Amino acid sequence: MTSRSVLLLAHTGRPAIAEVVRHAAQRLRDAGLEVRAVASEAADLGLTGIEVHEDGPAAAEGTELVLVLGGDGTILRAAELARAAAVPLLGVNLGRVGFLAEAESADLDDTVDRVLDRDYTVEQRLALDLEILLDGTPVDSGWALNECSIEKASRERMLELVVEIDGRPLSRWGCDGVVVATPTGSTAYAFSAGGPVVWPTVEALLVVPVSAHALFARPLVVGPTSVVAVEVLASGTTAMLACDGRRTRPLPHGARIEIRRGADAVLLARMRDRPFTDTLVRKFALPVAGWRGATE
């Protein structure tokens, strides 16, 4: 019989979280599962009796699930490993908002039970692939689950960009930056920049300018097959590219960034068939008093 294996990733640095992680690891081990952790976390979390792997995609290869204990930042870090290994990830929110998490900290034992019983479904989330070109030559590439942002590298000057959709120029913006996001990322940076909330089941790309000085500077929602290109003009400052706020690199004048739907989706484990409306109400504490619809 093939042994079962789970990679456990967590936010480190807080004793309370470390205790929760050790509890989850012990329950999984008691049920006969192999528990893995990355070397950069195992010692900080006080984990013993587990398989320790170097921090990289190989840590998740061969596992059935990446179980994440932390906030959205930890889940985004886990997505780097899970996507490369093509395994689902399941987040338990130990942070603040936790839009990407499937469960809250109070649900930890129930979550572990569901993992042990394989009582979850897997949902594909659209990701972004991007390519950076200089003088028409590709020099780098990357990907993002939430968004990629092109932002000014200097506070003293505006960023001058030309945005192109499907091979045709759309507009020139003097701005602080532009965010290209997925529906999953529509409640993250794109939301803070004034973009719309898009249901995760919608296949689309969002283009959201940040503090743009232009007559036409509205957020855009384009089709999932569209290619968005952003060119950094020499008339403004240089730029920085950030993928999910984690992976960054400088962009010189003349850089062109092409962004399209990712070839590989991110797999999220789901335990509840919860309407996204309920998630918005809960995470944003939206006022719904007076509603007279059906009760649960």
Protein backbone atom coordinates (compact mmCIF):
# COMPACT_ATOMS: atom_id res chain seq x y z
CA MET A 1 0.00 0.00 0.00
CA THR A 2 1.39 3.39 -0.99
CA SER A 3 2.17 5.60 2.01
CA ARG A 4 0.42 8.92 2.31
CA SER A 5 2.39 12.13 2.67
CA VAL A 6 1.49 15.73 3.53
CA LEU A 7 3.75 18.78 3.38
CA LEU A 8 3.13 21.11 6.31
CA LEU A 9 3.98 24.79 5.85
CA ALA A 10 3.41 27.47 8.45
CA HIS A 11 4.06 31.01 9.52
CA THR A 12 7.02 30.98 11.86
CA GLY A 13 8.08 33.31 14.66
CA ARG A 14 5.01 33.08 16.90
CA PRO A 15 4.95 30.50 19.73
CA ALA A 16 1.15 30.14 19.55
CA ILE A 17 1.31 29.17 15.87
CA ALA A 18 4.17 26.74 16.51
CA GLU A 19 2.05 24.96 19.09
CA VAL A 20 -0.85 24.66 16.63
CA VAL A 21 1.48 23.31 13.94
CA ARG A 22 2.94 20.68 16.27
CA HIS A 23 -0.58 19.59 17.21
CA ALA A 24 -1.56 19.17 13.55
CA ALA A 25 1.67 17.31 12.75
CA GLN A 26 1.17 14.92 15.66
CA ARG A 27 -2.40 14.13 14.63
CA LEU A 28 -1.32 13.40 11.07
CA ARG A 29 1.57 11.22 12.24
CA ASP A 30 -0.65 9.33 14.70
CA ALA A 31 -2.90 8.46 11.75
CA GLY A 32 0.05 6.97 9.88
CA LEU A 33 0.77 9.78 7.43
CA GLU A 34 4.27 10.93 6.58
CA VAL A 35 4.59 14.58 7.54
CA ARG A 36 7.09 16.76 5.70
CA ALA A 37 8.40 20.22 6.47
CA VAL A 38 10.99 22.46 4.87
CA ALA A 39 14.33 22.90 6.59
CA SER A 40 13.88 26.64 7.06
CA GLU A 41 10.80 26.02 9.24
CA ALA A 42 11.24 22.67 11.00
CA ALA A 43 13.58 23.89 13.74
CA ASP A 44 11.70 27.15 14.36
CA LEU A 45 8.44 25.25 14.77
CA GLY A 46 9.95 22.59 17.02
CA LEU A 47 8.86 19.77 14.74
CA THR A 48 10.35 16.33 15.38
CA GLY A 49 9.85 12.90 13.84
CA ILE A 50 9.13 14.33 10.41
CA GLU A 51 10.75 14.33 6.97
CA VAL A 52 12.77 17.52 6.46
CA HIS A 53 13.31 18.75 2.90
CA GLU A 54 15.10 21.68 1.35
CA ASP A 55 12.84 24.63 0.61
CA GLY A 56 11.81 24.17 -3.02
CA PRO A 57 9.31 22.41 -5.28
CA ALA A 58 10.84 19.02 -4.55
CA ALA A 59 9.53 19.28 -0.99
CA ALA A 60 5.96 18.89 -2.27
CA GLU A 61 6.61 16.28 -4.95
CA GLY A 62 4.88 13.00 -4.23
CA THR A 63 2.63 14.44 -1.53
CA GLU A 64 -1.13 14.40 -1.73
CA LEU A 65 -1.58 17.83 -0.17
CA VAL A 66 0.21 20.93 1.09
CA LEU A 67 -1.41 21.92 4.40
CA VAL A 68 -0.76 25.57 5.19
CA LEU A 69 -1.17 27.12 8.64
CA GLY A 70 -0.91 30.90 8.46
CA GLY A 71 -2.27 33.88 6.57
CA ASP A 72 -2.48 34.74 2.89
CA GLY A 73 1.24 35.50 2.71
CA THR A 74 2.07 32.00 3.92
CA ILE A 75 -0.43 30.51 1.48
CA LEU A 76 1.13 32.44 -1.41
CA ARG A 77 4.54 31.10 -0.40
CA ALA A 78 3.11 27.58 -0.29
CA ALA A 79 1.58 28.07 -3.74
CA GLU A 80 5.09 28.33 -5.18
CA LEU A 81 5.79 24.77 -4.06
CA ALA A 82 2.34 23.29 -4.66
CA ARG A 83 1.96 24.65 -8.21
CA ALA A 84 5.36 23.36 -9.29
CA ALA A 85 4.53 19.90 -7.90
CA ALA A 86 0.92 19.96 -9.24
CA VAL A 87 -0.57 19.13 -5.84
CA PRO A 88 -3.43 20.95 -4.07
CA LEU A 89 -2.95 23.21 -1.09
CA LEU A 90 -5.32 23.72 1.81
CA GLY A 91 -5.04 26.82 3.98
CA VAL A 92 -6.02 27.21 7.62
CA ASN A 93 -6.14 30.90 8.48
CA LEU A 94 -3.97 31.87 11.43
CA GLY A 95 -3.54 35.42 10.16
CA ARG A 96 -5.97 38.29 9.70
CA VAL A 97 -8.18 38.34 6.60
CA GLY A 98 -7.11 35.05 5.04
CA PHE A 99 -9.05 35.23 1.77
CA LEU A 100 -7.14 32.26 0.36
CA ALA A 101 -7.73 30.07 3.41
CA GLU A 102 -10.38 27.39 3.39
CA ALA A 103 -10.73 27.10 7.17
CA GLU A 104 -10.18 29.12 10.34
CA SER A 105 -7.96 28.21 13.28
CA ALA A 106 -10.96 27.04 15.32
CA ASP A 107 -11.64 24.44 12.60
CA LEU A 108 -8.17 22.88 12.74
CA ASP A 109 -9.15 19.49 14.15
CA ASP A 110 -12.06 19.18 11.74
CA THR A 111 -9.73 20.16 8.91
CA VAL A 112 -7.23 17.45 9.88
CA ASP A 113 -10.09 14.92 10.02
CA ARG A 114 -11.15 15.91 6.52
CA VAL A 115 -7.58 15.56 5.26
CA LEU A 116 -7.30 12.11 6.83
CA ASP A 117 -10.58 11.04 5.20
CA ARG A 118 -9.66 12.73 1.89
CA ASP A 119 -12.96 14.56 2.33
CA TYR A 120 -12.31 17.55 0.11
CA THR A 121 -12.61 18.61 -3.50
CA VAL A 122 -9.98 20.31 -5.64
CA GLU A 123 -10.61 23.59 -7.42
CA GLN A 124 -8.43 25.05 -10.15
CA ARG A 125 -7.54 28.74 -9.83
CA LEU A 126 -6.37 30.71 -12.83
CA ALA A 127 -2.79 31.99 -12.50
CA LEU A 128 -0.68 34.42 -14.56
CA ASP A 129 2.43 33.77 -16.63
CA LEU A 130 4.60 36.72 -17.54
CA GLU A 131 7.63 37.37 -19.71
CA ILE A 132 10.00 40.32 -19.59
CA LEU A 133 11.59 41.52 -22.83
CA LEU A 134 14.34 44.04 -23.54
CA ASP A 135 14.77 45.15 -27.14
CA GLY A 136 12.49 42.31 -28.15
CA THR A 137 14.62 39.66 -26.42
CA PRO A 138 13.16 37.65 -23.51
CA VAL A 139 15.31 38.16 -20.40
CA ASP A 140 13.18 36.74 -17.60
CA SER A 141 9.85 35.13 -16.79
CA GLY A 142 7.61 34.55 -13.81
CA TRP A 143 4.13 33.75 -12.58
CA ALA A 144 1.58 34.88 -10.00
CA LEU A 145 -1.55 33.58 -8.32
CA ASN A 146 -2.92 36.94 -7.12
CA GLU A 147 -1.28 39.61 -9.24
CA CYS A 148 1.79 41.05 -10.83
CA SER A 149 2.38 44.75 -10.30
CA ILE A 150 4.59 47.16 -12.17
CA GLU A 151 5.37 50.05 -9.81
CA LYS A 152 7.61 53.10 -9.85
CA ALA A 153 11.08 52.58 -8.43
CA SER A 154 11.48 56.19 -7.30
CA ARG A 155 9.07 58.29 -5.25
CA GLU A 156 10.25 61.53 -6.83
CA ARG A 157 8.95 60.86 -10.35
CA MET A 158 5.94 59.27 -11.97
CA LEU A 159 6.09 56.08 -13.92
CA GLU A 160 5.27 56.48 -17.62
CA LEU A 161 3.67 53.38 -19.11
CA VAL A 162 1.95 52.35 -22.31
CA VAL A 163 -0.57 49.54 -21.85
CA GLU A 164 -1.45 47.22 -24.70
CA ILE A 165 -4.28 44.68 -24.92
CA ASP A 166 -4.17 41.89 -27.51
CA GLY A 167 -1.49 43.56 -29.60
CA ARG A 168 -3.15 46.99 -29.75
CA PRO A 169 -2.19 50.07 -27.68
CA LEU A 170 -4.82 51.06 -25.13
CA SER A 171 -3.49 54.11 -23.31
CA ARG A 172 -0.45 55.89 -21.93
CA TRP A 173 -0.50 56.45 -18.19
CA GLY A 174 1.55 58.65 -15.93
CA CYS A 175 1.01 56.74 -12.71
CA ASP A 176 2.36 55.05 -9.63
CA GLY A 177 1.94 51.69 -11.34
CA VAL A 178 -0.44 49.14 -12.78
CA VAL A 179 -1.73 45.87 -11.33
CA VAL A 180 -2.64 42.89 -13.51
CA ALA A 181 -4.60 40.46 -11.38
CA THR A 182 -6.54 37.22 -11.44
CA PRO A 183 -10.06 36.84 -10.03
CA THR A 184 -8.43 35.21 -6.99
CA GLY A 185 -6.32 38.35 -6.56
CA SER A 186 -9.21 40.76 -7.08
CA THR A 187 -9.64 41.03 -3.29
CA ALA A 188 -5.94 41.78 -2.71
CA TYR A 189 -3.78 44.59 -4.15
CA ALA A 190 -6.14 45.16 -7.09
CA PHE A 191 -9.00 45.77 -4.65
CA SER A 192 -6.94 48.31 -2.68
CA ALA A 193 -6.16 50.10 -5.96
CA GLY A 194 -9.88 50.46 -6.77
CA GLY A 195 -10.43 47.37 -8.89
CA PRO A 196 -13.64 45.31 -8.92
CA VAL A 197 -14.22 42.16 -6.92
CA VAL A 198 -14.48 39.26 -9.38
CA TRP A 199 -15.91 35.88 -8.39
CA PRO A 200 -13.20 33.18 -8.47
CA THR A 201 -15.25 31.10 -10.90
CA VAL A 202 -15.02 33.85 -13.53
CA GLU A 203 -12.17 33.41 -16.01
CA ALA A 204 -10.73 36.85 -16.67
CA LEU A 205 -7.74 39.12 -16.19
CA LEU A 206 -7.94 42.47 -14.39
CA VAL A 207 -5.95 45.56 -15.34
CA VAL A 208 -6.00 48.20 -12.60
CA PRO A 209 -3.99 51.46 -12.86
CA VAL A 210 -2.62 52.87 -9.61
CA SER A 211 -3.00 56.67 -9.13
CA ALA A 212 -2.97 57.31 -12.87
CA HIS A 213 -3.02 60.88 -14.23
CA ALA A 214 -5.07 60.21 -17.34
CA LEU A 215 -8.53 60.86 -18.70
CA PHE A 216 -9.08 57.13 -19.21
CA ALA A 217 -7.79 55.28 -16.18
CA ARG A 218 -10.58 52.92 -15.19
CA PRO A 219 -10.05 49.32 -14.09
CA LEU A 220 -10.50 46.86 -16.94
CA VAL A 221 -11.69 43.26 -17.03
CA VAL A 222 -10.49 41.42 -20.13
CA GLY A 223 -10.99 37.90 -21.40
CA PRO A 224 -8.93 34.93 -20.20
CA THR A 225 -7.21 34.56 -23.59
CA SER A 226 -6.17 38.21 -23.76
CA VAL A 227 -2.51 39.20 -23.54
CA VAL A 228 -1.75 42.34 -21.54
CA ALA A 229 1.53 44.12 -22.29
CA VAL A 230 3.05 46.99 -20.33
CA GLU A 231 5.98 49.05 -21.64
CA VAL A 232 8.15 51.24 -19.38
CA LEU A 233 8.86 54.56 -21.12
CA ALA A 234 12.07 56.57 -20.73
CA SER A 235 10.09 59.75 -20.00
CA GLY A 236 9.33 58.51 -16.48
CA THR A 237 11.17 56.75 -13.70
CA THR A 238 12.30 53.14 -13.81
CA ALA A 239 10.05 50.42 -12.43
CA MET A 240 9.90 47.40 -10.16
CA LEU A 241 8.01 44.22 -10.93
CA ALA A 242 6.46 42.23 -8.08
CA CYS A 243 4.74 38.87 -8.40
CA ASP A 244 2.31 38.27 -5.51
CA GLY A 245 4.30 40.87 -3.59
CA ARG A 246 7.04 38.26 -3.07
CA ARG A 247 9.23 37.85 -6.11
CA THR A 248 10.62 41.18 -7.35
CA ARG A 249 13.03 42.48 -9.96
CA PRO A 250 13.91 45.92 -11.39
CA LEU A 251 12.59 47.00 -14.78
CA PRO A 252 14.72 49.46 -16.77
CA HIS A 253 13.46 51.92 -19.33
CA GLY A 254 12.35 50.10 -22.45
CA ALA A 255 11.29 46.97 -20.62
CA ARG A 256 8.20 45.23 -21.92
CA ILE A 257 6.18 42.88 -19.71
CA GLU A 258 3.74 40.48 -21.38
CA ILE A 259 1.15 38.91 -19.10
CA ARG A 260 -1.23 36.12 -20.00
CA ARG A 261 -3.21 33.30 -18.45
CA GLY A 262 -0.87 30.80 -16.83
CA ALA A 263 -0.27 27.45 -18.44
CA ASP A 264 -0.63 25.79 -15.02
CA ALA A 265 -3.39 26.49 -12.55
CA VAL A 266 -3.02 26.56 -8.78
CA LEU A 267 -4.97 23.75 -7.10
CA LEU A 268 -6.91 24.69 -3.97
CA ALA A 269 -8.49 22.06 -1.75
CA ARG A 270 -12.06 22.95 -0.80
CA MET A 271 -13.99 21.42 2.09
CA ARG A 272 -17.16 23.47 1.91
CA ASP A 273 -19.44 24.49 -0.93
CA ARG A 274 -19.65 28.01 0.48
CA PRO A 275 -20.98 30.81 -1.78
CA PHE A 276 -18.37 33.47 -2.46
CA THR A 277 -20.90 36.06 -1.26
CA ASP A 278 -20.70 34.56 2.22
CA THR A 279 -16.92 34.75 2.09
CA LEU A 280 -17.04 38.46 1.24
CA VAL A 281 -19.52 39.17 4.02
CA ARG A 282 -17.45 37.27 6.57
CA LYS A 283 -14.01 38.54 5.59
CA PHE A 284 -15.02 42.19 5.16
CA ALA A 285 -17.57 42.17 8.01
CA LEU A 286 -20.20 43.55 5.63
CA PRO A 287 -23.51 44.74 7.17
CA VAL A 288 -26.37 42.46 6.15
CA ALA A 289 -28.79 43.14 9.01
CA GLY A 290 -32.37 43.39 7.72
CA TRP A 291 -31.96 40.79 4.97
CA ARG A 292 -35.09 38.64 4.74
CA GLY A 293 -33.88 35.83 2.51
CA ALA A 294 -33.70 32.15 3.33
CA THR A 295 -31.79 31.04 6.41
CA GLU A 296 -29.11 28.37 6.21
